C-alpha cells in the first residue's frame, strides 16, 4: 500500500482517471494483485495482464462463480508464472491484510465494486464501503479508523 501512495504523481493521476493501461514495461517481472478479478472489467484486465509476464498474479473476488470462470480461462492459457485466486471481501480489513502480507504485490488494480450504471445506483452503499472507506483506511496519514460525520441538528 505504501508503494502505491509513493508512486510518481503522473501514474497515480493516470490510475485515478482510468487512463492508465497496463504495458509490458509496467507489469513485466512484477507481482500484481487484481481485486474484482471476476467481474467484467476485472476479468478483461486479468487477461491483459497475464499476457504481459508478471512475476505473479493474484486474483481476488467476492463472487465464487466469477472467480472460477476467470481461473478456468487462465488455466487454459498454460501461464508460465505463478498465479492464485482467492475468494475475499475487500471490506474485510483483516483478510485483505493477510492477503497482502502473503502475496506482497508490487501493483494493485482495484476494480472491485466498480459497478456501472443502474446497478451502481441500486448498490451505492456497497460502492462506498468498497471504495471510499477502503481508500480512507489506506491513506498514509490515516490512523486506520473511520471518522463518521456528525449529524447536524434539524
N, C-alpha and C. Protein backbone atom coordinates (compact mmCIF):
# COMPACT_ATOMS: atom_id res chain seq x y z
N UNK A 1 0.81 -1.18 0.00
CA UNK A 1 0.00 0.00 0.00
C UNK A 1 0.87 1.26 0.00
N UNK A 2 1.94 1.22 0.78
CA UNK A 2 2.80 2.40 0.85
C UNK A 2 3.40 2.71 -0.51
N UNK A 3 3.73 1.65 -1.28
CA UNK A 3 4.31 1.88 -2.59
C UNK A 3 3.33 2.60 -3.50
N UNK A 4 2.05 2.26 -3.39
CA UNK A 4 1.05 2.95 -4.21
C UNK A 4 1.00 4.42 -3.85
N UNK A 5 1.04 4.70 -2.55
CA UNK A 5 0.96 6.10 -2.10
C UNK A 5 2.19 6.88 -2.52
N UNK A 6 3.33 6.20 -2.69
CA UNK A 6 4.56 6.89 -3.05
C UNK A 6 4.83 6.87 -4.55
N UNK A 7 3.91 6.32 -5.35
CA UNK A 7 4.11 6.26 -6.79
C UNK A 7 4.21 7.66 -7.37
N UNK A 8 4.87 7.74 -8.49
CA UNK A 8 5.01 9.05 -9.13
C UNK A 8 3.63 9.63 -9.43
N UNK A 9 3.44 10.93 -9.24
CA UNK A 9 2.12 11.54 -9.41
C UNK A 9 1.47 11.29 -10.76
N UNK A 10 2.25 11.27 -11.83
CA UNK A 10 1.64 11.09 -13.14
C UNK A 10 0.97 9.72 -13.25
N UNK A 11 1.58 8.68 -12.70
CA UNK A 11 0.95 7.36 -12.74
C UNK A 11 -0.27 7.31 -11.84
N UNK A 12 -0.18 7.95 -10.66
CA UNK A 12 -1.35 7.99 -9.78
C UNK A 12 -2.50 8.70 -10.47
N UNK A 13 -2.20 9.78 -11.15
CA UNK A 13 -3.24 10.53 -11.85
C UNK A 13 -3.84 9.68 -12.95
N UNK A 14 -3.00 8.97 -13.69
CA UNK A 14 -3.50 8.10 -14.75
C UNK A 14 -4.39 7.02 -14.18
N UNK A 15 -3.99 6.42 -13.07
CA UNK A 15 -4.79 5.35 -12.48
C UNK A 15 -6.12 5.89 -11.97
N UNK A 16 -6.09 7.04 -11.31
CA UNK A 16 -7.31 7.62 -10.76
C UNK A 16 -8.29 8.03 -11.87
N UNK A 17 -7.76 8.50 -12.98
CA UNK A 17 -8.64 8.94 -14.07
C UNK A 17 -9.07 7.81 -14.98
N UNK A 18 -8.47 6.63 -14.80
CA UNK A 18 -8.84 5.50 -15.64
C UNK A 18 -8.12 5.48 -16.97
N UNK A 19 -7.09 6.32 -17.14
CA UNK A 19 -6.37 6.34 -18.41
C UNK A 19 -5.12 5.48 -18.39
N UNK A 20 -4.77 4.91 -17.24
CA UNK A 20 -3.60 4.03 -17.15
C UNK A 20 -3.91 2.71 -17.83
N UNK A 21 -3.04 2.27 -18.69
CA UNK A 21 -3.19 0.99 -19.37
C UNK A 21 -1.96 0.14 -19.02
N UNK A 22 -2.20 -1.12 -18.65
CA UNK A 22 -1.06 -1.97 -18.35
C UNK A 22 -0.20 -2.19 -19.59
N UNK A 23 1.09 -2.00 -19.44
CA UNK A 23 2.04 -2.23 -20.53
C UNK A 23 3.10 -3.20 -20.04
N UNK A 24 3.83 -3.77 -20.97
CA UNK A 24 4.88 -4.72 -20.59
C UNK A 24 5.87 -4.07 -19.64
N UNK A 25 6.23 -2.82 -19.87
CA UNK A 25 7.21 -2.17 -19.00
C UNK A 25 6.66 -1.91 -17.59
N UNK A 26 5.34 -1.79 -17.45
CA UNK A 26 4.78 -1.55 -16.12
C UNK A 26 4.44 -2.84 -15.38
N UNK A 27 4.32 -3.94 -16.08
CA UNK A 27 3.87 -5.20 -15.48
C UNK A 27 4.95 -6.27 -15.42
N UNK A 28 5.75 -6.39 -16.45
CA UNK A 28 6.71 -7.49 -16.56
C UNK A 28 7.60 -7.59 -15.33
N UNK A 29 7.65 -8.80 -14.75
CA UNK A 29 8.50 -9.06 -13.60
C UNK A 29 7.97 -8.55 -12.27
N UNK A 30 6.78 -8.04 -12.25
CA UNK A 30 6.21 -7.51 -11.00
C UNK A 30 5.09 -8.41 -10.49
N UNK A 31 4.89 -8.37 -9.16
CA UNK A 31 3.78 -9.10 -8.53
C UNK A 31 2.54 -8.22 -8.62
N UNK A 32 1.49 -8.74 -9.24
CA UNK A 32 0.28 -7.96 -9.49
C UNK A 32 -0.90 -8.60 -8.77
N UNK A 33 -1.72 -7.76 -8.15
CA UNK A 33 -2.94 -8.21 -7.49
C UNK A 33 -4.11 -7.44 -8.11
N UNK A 34 -5.19 -8.16 -8.43
CA UNK A 34 -6.38 -7.54 -9.02
C UNK A 34 -7.58 -7.85 -8.13
N UNK A 35 -8.21 -6.80 -7.59
CA UNK A 35 -9.46 -7.00 -6.85
C UNK A 35 -10.61 -6.92 -7.85
N UNK A 36 -11.68 -7.63 -7.58
CA UNK A 36 -12.78 -7.65 -8.53
C UNK A 36 -12.40 -8.39 -9.80
N UNK A 37 -11.49 -9.35 -9.67
CA UNK A 37 -10.91 -10.04 -10.82
C UNK A 37 -11.92 -10.84 -11.63
N UNK A 38 -13.05 -11.18 -11.05
CA UNK A 38 -14.04 -11.97 -11.77
C UNK A 38 -15.09 -11.15 -12.48
N UNK A 39 -15.12 -9.86 -12.24
CA UNK A 39 -16.12 -9.00 -12.87
C UNK A 39 -15.80 -8.76 -14.34
N UNK A 40 -16.69 -8.05 -15.00
CA UNK A 40 -16.49 -7.83 -16.44
C UNK A 40 -15.22 -7.02 -16.72
N UNK A 41 -14.97 -5.98 -15.95
CA UNK A 41 -13.77 -5.18 -16.14
C UNK A 41 -12.55 -5.94 -15.61
N UNK A 42 -12.68 -6.49 -14.41
CA UNK A 42 -11.57 -7.19 -13.78
C UNK A 42 -11.07 -8.38 -14.58
N UNK A 43 -11.99 -9.17 -15.12
CA UNK A 43 -11.56 -10.36 -15.87
C UNK A 43 -10.84 -9.98 -17.16
N UNK A 44 -11.29 -8.93 -17.81
CA UNK A 44 -10.60 -8.46 -19.01
C UNK A 44 -9.22 -7.92 -18.65
N UNK A 45 -9.13 -7.20 -17.55
CA UNK A 45 -7.85 -6.69 -17.08
C UNK A 45 -6.89 -7.84 -16.76
N UNK A 46 -7.40 -8.88 -16.10
CA UNK A 46 -6.59 -10.05 -15.77
C UNK A 46 -6.03 -10.70 -17.04
N UNK A 47 -6.87 -10.83 -18.07
CA UNK A 47 -6.42 -11.42 -19.33
C UNK A 47 -5.30 -10.58 -19.95
N UNK A 48 -5.46 -9.26 -19.93
CA UNK A 48 -4.43 -8.39 -20.49
C UNK A 48 -3.13 -8.48 -19.69
N UNK A 49 -3.26 -8.45 -18.37
CA UNK A 49 -2.07 -8.52 -17.52
C UNK A 49 -1.34 -9.85 -17.70
N UNK A 50 -2.08 -10.94 -17.85
CA UNK A 50 -1.45 -12.26 -17.98
C UNK A 50 -0.58 -12.37 -19.22
N UNK A 51 -0.85 -11.56 -20.23
CA UNK A 51 -0.04 -11.56 -21.46
C UNK A 51 1.24 -10.75 -21.30
N UNK A 52 1.35 -9.99 -20.21
CA UNK A 52 2.49 -9.08 -20.02
C UNK A 52 3.56 -9.62 -19.09
N UNK A 53 3.52 -10.88 -18.78
CA UNK A 53 4.53 -11.61 -17.99
C UNK A 53 4.84 -11.02 -16.62
N UNK A 54 3.82 -10.93 -15.75
CA UNK A 54 4.13 -10.53 -14.37
C UNK A 54 4.89 -11.66 -13.70
N UNK A 55 5.57 -11.38 -12.60
CA UNK A 55 6.25 -12.47 -11.89
C UNK A 55 5.23 -13.33 -11.15
N UNK A 56 4.10 -12.73 -10.76
CA UNK A 56 2.98 -13.49 -10.18
C UNK A 56 1.72 -12.65 -10.35
N UNK A 57 0.59 -13.33 -10.29
CA UNK A 57 -0.69 -12.67 -10.46
C UNK A 57 -1.65 -13.21 -9.41
N UNK A 58 -2.23 -12.32 -8.62
CA UNK A 58 -3.18 -12.71 -7.57
C UNK A 58 -4.54 -12.13 -7.91
N UNK A 59 -5.54 -12.99 -7.90
CA UNK A 59 -6.91 -12.58 -8.20
C UNK A 59 -7.73 -12.61 -6.93
N UNK A 60 -8.56 -11.60 -6.73
CA UNK A 60 -9.45 -11.55 -5.58
C UNK A 60 -10.84 -11.17 -6.07
N UNK A 61 -11.83 -11.91 -5.62
CA UNK A 61 -13.21 -11.56 -5.95
C UNK A 61 -14.11 -12.15 -4.88
N UNK A 62 -15.24 -11.52 -4.67
CA UNK A 62 -16.21 -11.99 -3.69
C UNK A 62 -17.12 -13.06 -4.29
N UNK A 63 -17.26 -13.06 -5.61
CA UNK A 63 -18.16 -13.97 -6.29
C UNK A 63 -17.40 -15.23 -6.73
N UNK A 64 -17.73 -16.35 -6.11
CA UNK A 64 -17.02 -17.60 -6.38
C UNK A 64 -17.14 -18.04 -7.83
N UNK A 65 -18.33 -17.94 -8.41
CA UNK A 65 -18.52 -18.39 -9.79
C UNK A 65 -17.71 -17.54 -10.77
N UNK A 66 -17.73 -16.22 -10.59
CA UNK A 66 -16.95 -15.35 -11.47
C UNK A 66 -15.46 -15.63 -11.35
N UNK A 67 -15.01 -15.86 -10.13
CA UNK A 67 -13.60 -16.17 -9.90
C UNK A 67 -13.24 -17.51 -10.54
N UNK A 68 -14.16 -18.46 -10.45
CA UNK A 68 -13.95 -19.76 -11.11
C UNK A 68 -13.80 -19.58 -12.63
N UNK A 69 -14.66 -18.76 -13.22
CA UNK A 69 -14.62 -18.57 -14.67
C UNK A 69 -13.29 -17.98 -15.14
N UNK A 70 -12.81 -16.94 -14.47
CA UNK A 70 -11.54 -16.34 -14.90
C UNK A 70 -10.38 -17.29 -14.58
N UNK A 71 -10.48 -18.03 -13.49
CA UNK A 71 -9.44 -19.01 -13.16
C UNK A 71 -9.36 -20.09 -14.24
N UNK A 72 -10.50 -20.55 -14.68
CA UNK A 72 -10.56 -21.57 -15.74
C UNK A 72 -9.92 -21.03 -17.02
N UNK A 73 -10.20 -19.78 -17.36
CA UNK A 73 -9.61 -19.17 -18.55
C UNK A 73 -8.08 -19.11 -18.44
N UNK A 74 -7.58 -18.78 -17.25
CA UNK A 74 -6.13 -18.73 -17.05
C UNK A 74 -5.50 -20.11 -17.13
N UNK A 75 -6.19 -21.12 -16.60
CA UNK A 75 -5.68 -22.49 -16.67
C UNK A 75 -5.51 -22.94 -18.12
N UNK A 76 -6.44 -22.56 -18.97
CA UNK A 76 -6.37 -22.92 -20.38
C UNK A 76 -5.21 -22.25 -21.10
N UNK A 77 -4.75 -21.12 -20.57
CA UNK A 77 -3.65 -20.38 -21.20
C UNK A 77 -2.27 -20.93 -20.88
N UNK A 78 -2.17 -21.92 -19.98
CA UNK A 78 -0.87 -22.51 -19.60
C UNK A 78 0.16 -21.42 -19.27
N UNK A 79 -0.13 -20.61 -18.30
CA UNK A 79 0.75 -19.50 -17.94
C UNK A 79 2.09 -19.99 -17.42
N UNK A 80 3.11 -19.19 -17.65
CA UNK A 80 4.48 -19.55 -17.26
C UNK A 80 4.90 -18.87 -15.96
N UNK A 81 3.94 -18.38 -15.20
CA UNK A 81 4.24 -17.72 -13.93
C UNK A 81 3.19 -18.17 -12.91
N UNK A 82 3.53 -18.08 -11.62
CA UNK A 82 2.56 -18.49 -10.59
C UNK A 82 1.40 -17.50 -10.49
N UNK A 83 0.23 -18.05 -10.23
CA UNK A 83 -0.94 -17.20 -10.01
C UNK A 83 -1.83 -17.88 -8.99
N UNK A 84 -2.65 -17.07 -8.33
CA UNK A 84 -3.56 -17.60 -7.32
C UNK A 84 -4.88 -16.87 -7.41
N UNK A 85 -5.93 -17.54 -6.94
CA UNK A 85 -7.26 -16.94 -6.91
C UNK A 85 -7.80 -17.09 -5.49
N UNK A 86 -8.28 -16.00 -4.93
CA UNK A 86 -8.80 -16.01 -3.57
C UNK A 86 -10.19 -15.40 -3.53
N UNK A 87 -11.09 -16.08 -2.86
CA UNK A 87 -12.41 -15.52 -2.60
C UNK A 87 -12.25 -14.62 -1.39
N UNK A 88 -12.65 -13.37 -1.54
CA UNK A 88 -12.50 -12.46 -0.42
C UNK A 88 -13.27 -11.18 -0.60
N UNK A 89 -13.60 -10.58 0.52
CA UNK A 89 -14.32 -9.32 0.55
C UNK A 89 -13.33 -8.22 0.87
N UNK A 90 -13.15 -7.28 -0.03
CA UNK A 90 -12.16 -6.23 0.19
C UNK A 90 -12.50 -5.35 1.37
N UNK A 91 -13.74 -5.45 1.86
CA UNK A 91 -14.13 -4.67 3.05
C UNK A 91 -13.65 -5.34 4.33
N UNK A 92 -13.16 -6.58 4.23
CA UNK A 92 -12.66 -7.32 5.38
C UNK A 92 -11.18 -6.98 5.56
N UNK A 93 -10.92 -5.99 6.40
CA UNK A 93 -9.56 -5.47 6.56
C UNK A 93 -8.57 -6.55 7.00
N UNK A 94 -8.98 -7.42 7.89
CA UNK A 94 -8.08 -8.47 8.36
C UNK A 94 -7.72 -9.44 7.25
N UNK A 95 -8.71 -9.86 6.49
CA UNK A 95 -8.45 -10.80 5.39
C UNK A 95 -7.56 -10.17 4.32
N UNK A 96 -7.82 -8.90 4.01
CA UNK A 96 -7.02 -8.23 2.99
C UNK A 96 -5.59 -8.00 3.48
N UNK A 97 -5.44 -7.69 4.74
CA UNK A 97 -4.11 -7.51 5.30
C UNK A 97 -3.31 -8.82 5.19
N UNK A 98 -3.96 -9.92 5.52
CA UNK A 98 -3.32 -11.24 5.42
C UNK A 98 -2.95 -11.54 3.96
N UNK A 99 -3.86 -11.25 3.05
CA UNK A 99 -3.61 -11.49 1.63
C UNK A 99 -2.43 -10.65 1.13
N UNK A 100 -2.39 -9.38 1.52
CA UNK A 100 -1.30 -8.52 1.10
C UNK A 100 0.04 -8.97 1.68
N UNK A 101 0.04 -9.43 2.92
CA UNK A 101 1.29 -9.93 3.52
C UNK A 101 1.76 -11.19 2.80
N UNK A 102 0.82 -12.04 2.42
CA UNK A 102 1.17 -13.30 1.74
C UNK A 102 1.63 -13.05 0.30
N UNK A 103 0.91 -12.22 -0.44
CA UNK A 103 1.20 -12.03 -1.86
C UNK A 103 2.24 -10.95 -2.14
N UNK A 104 2.36 -9.98 -1.24
CA UNK A 104 3.32 -8.88 -1.39
C UNK A 104 3.27 -8.25 -2.79
N UNK A 105 2.11 -7.73 -3.19
CA UNK A 105 2.01 -7.18 -4.55
C UNK A 105 2.81 -5.90 -4.74
N UNK A 106 3.37 -5.77 -5.93
CA UNK A 106 4.04 -4.52 -6.32
C UNK A 106 3.01 -3.55 -6.89
N UNK A 107 2.02 -4.10 -7.56
CA UNK A 107 0.99 -3.30 -8.22
C UNK A 107 -0.37 -3.87 -7.86
N UNK A 108 -1.31 -2.99 -7.53
CA UNK A 108 -2.68 -3.40 -7.22
C UNK A 108 -3.63 -2.67 -8.16
N UNK A 109 -4.46 -3.46 -8.84
CA UNK A 109 -5.54 -2.89 -9.64
C UNK A 109 -6.82 -3.14 -8.87
N UNK A 110 -7.40 -2.08 -8.36
CA UNK A 110 -8.62 -2.19 -7.55
C UNK A 110 -9.83 -1.89 -8.44
N UNK A 111 -10.48 -2.95 -8.91
CA UNK A 111 -11.67 -2.77 -9.73
C UNK A 111 -12.90 -3.41 -9.09
N UNK A 112 -12.77 -3.84 -7.84
CA UNK A 112 -13.92 -4.38 -7.12
C UNK A 112 -14.93 -3.26 -6.90
N UNK A 113 -16.18 -3.60 -7.02
CA UNK A 113 -17.30 -2.68 -6.81
C UNK A 113 -17.35 -1.54 -7.80
N UNK A 114 -16.68 -1.70 -8.93
CA UNK A 114 -16.77 -0.69 -9.98
C UNK A 114 -18.01 -1.01 -10.81
N UNK A 115 -19.15 -0.87 -10.18
CA UNK A 115 -20.41 -1.22 -10.82
C UNK A 115 -20.84 -0.11 -11.75
N UNK A 116 -21.47 -0.48 -12.84
CA UNK A 116 -21.85 0.54 -13.81
C UNK A 116 -23.32 0.86 -13.79
N UNK A 117 -23.63 2.06 -14.23
CA UNK A 117 -24.99 2.50 -14.50
C UNK A 117 -25.99 2.26 -13.40
N UNK A 118 -27.10 1.64 -13.77
CA UNK A 118 -28.21 1.48 -12.83
C UNK A 118 -27.85 0.59 -11.64
N UNK A 119 -26.93 -0.35 -11.82
CA UNK A 119 -26.55 -1.21 -10.71
C UNK A 119 -25.86 -0.42 -9.62
N UNK A 120 -25.05 0.54 -10.01
CA UNK A 120 -24.36 1.36 -9.03
C UNK A 120 -25.36 2.15 -8.19
N UNK A 121 -26.37 2.66 -8.82
CA UNK A 121 -27.38 3.44 -8.08
C UNK A 121 -28.11 2.55 -7.08
N UNK A 122 -28.34 1.30 -7.43
CA UNK A 122 -29.04 0.38 -6.54
C UNK A 122 -28.16 -0.08 -5.38
N UNK A 123 -26.88 -0.08 -5.56
CA UNK A 123 -25.98 -0.61 -4.54
C UNK A 123 -24.94 0.42 -4.12
N UNK A 124 -25.36 1.65 -3.95
CA UNK A 124 -24.43 2.72 -3.62
C UNK A 124 -23.66 2.46 -2.34
N UNK A 125 -24.30 1.91 -1.35
CA UNK A 125 -23.61 1.68 -0.07
C UNK A 125 -22.47 0.69 -0.26
N UNK A 126 -22.64 -0.32 -1.10
CA UNK A 126 -21.55 -1.27 -1.35
C UNK A 126 -20.38 -0.58 -2.05
N UNK A 127 -20.68 0.28 -3.01
CA UNK A 127 -19.62 1.00 -3.70
C UNK A 127 -18.87 1.91 -2.72
N UNK A 128 -19.60 2.56 -1.84
CA UNK A 128 -18.97 3.43 -0.84
C UNK A 128 -18.10 2.60 0.10
N UNK A 129 -18.62 1.50 0.59
CA UNK A 129 -17.87 0.65 1.51
C UNK A 129 -16.60 0.10 0.86
N UNK A 130 -16.70 -0.30 -0.40
CA UNK A 130 -15.57 -0.92 -1.08
C UNK A 130 -14.54 0.09 -1.57
N UNK A 131 -14.96 1.28 -1.87
CA UNK A 131 -14.05 2.25 -2.46
C UNK A 131 -13.65 3.36 -1.50
N UNK A 132 -14.57 4.20 -1.09
CA UNK A 132 -14.23 5.35 -0.27
C UNK A 132 -13.69 4.94 1.09
N UNK A 133 -14.38 4.05 1.80
CA UNK A 133 -13.93 3.67 3.14
C UNK A 133 -12.58 2.97 3.08
N UNK A 134 -12.37 2.13 2.09
CA UNK A 134 -11.10 1.43 1.95
C UNK A 134 -10.00 2.44 1.66
N UNK A 135 -10.28 3.42 0.80
CA UNK A 135 -9.30 4.45 0.49
C UNK A 135 -8.93 5.23 1.75
N UNK A 136 -9.91 5.60 2.54
CA UNK A 136 -9.67 6.36 3.76
C UNK A 136 -8.76 5.58 4.71
N UNK A 137 -8.94 4.29 4.78
CA UNK A 137 -8.13 3.48 5.70
C UNK A 137 -6.71 3.28 5.19
N UNK A 138 -6.49 3.37 3.89
CA UNK A 138 -5.17 3.09 3.35
C UNK A 138 -4.36 4.33 3.04
N UNK A 139 -4.94 5.52 3.20
CA UNK A 139 -4.16 6.73 3.00
C UNK A 139 -3.04 6.75 4.04
N UNK A 140 -1.83 7.17 3.65
CA UNK A 140 -0.70 7.15 4.58
C UNK A 140 -0.95 7.91 5.87
N UNK A 141 -1.67 9.03 5.81
CA UNK A 141 -1.87 9.81 7.02
C UNK A 141 -3.04 9.32 7.86
N UNK A 142 -3.77 8.33 7.37
CA UNK A 142 -4.94 7.84 8.08
C UNK A 142 -4.54 6.97 9.27
N UNK A 143 -5.18 7.16 10.41
CA UNK A 143 -4.87 6.32 11.58
C UNK A 143 -5.51 4.95 11.49
N UNK A 144 -6.24 4.67 10.41
CA UNK A 144 -6.84 3.36 10.27
C UNK A 144 -8.26 3.30 10.81
N UNK A 145 -8.80 4.41 11.17
CA UNK A 145 -10.17 4.44 11.65
C UNK A 145 -11.00 5.34 10.76
N UNK A 146 -12.27 5.16 10.83
CA UNK A 146 -13.19 5.95 10.02
C UNK A 146 -13.83 6.98 10.91
N UNK A 147 -13.76 8.22 10.49
CA UNK A 147 -14.44 9.29 11.23
C UNK A 147 -15.78 9.50 10.57
N UNK A 148 -16.81 9.22 11.30
CA UNK A 148 -18.15 9.42 10.77
C UNK A 148 -18.55 10.88 10.95
N UNK A 149 -19.18 11.47 9.94
CA UNK A 149 -19.60 12.87 10.08
C UNK A 149 -20.64 12.99 11.17
N UNK A 150 -20.53 14.07 11.92
CA UNK A 150 -21.53 14.28 12.98
C UNK A 150 -22.83 14.73 12.34
N UNK A 151 -23.91 14.38 12.96
CA UNK A 151 -25.22 14.78 12.43
C UNK A 151 -25.50 16.22 12.81
N UNK A 152 -25.99 16.94 11.85
CA UNK A 152 -26.33 18.33 12.14
C UNK A 152 -27.74 18.37 12.71
N UNK A 153 -28.00 19.30 13.63
CA UNK A 153 -29.35 19.36 14.21
C UNK A 153 -30.36 19.77 13.16
N UNK A 154 -31.54 19.24 13.27
CA UNK A 154 -32.59 19.52 12.29
C UNK A 154 -33.39 20.71 12.65
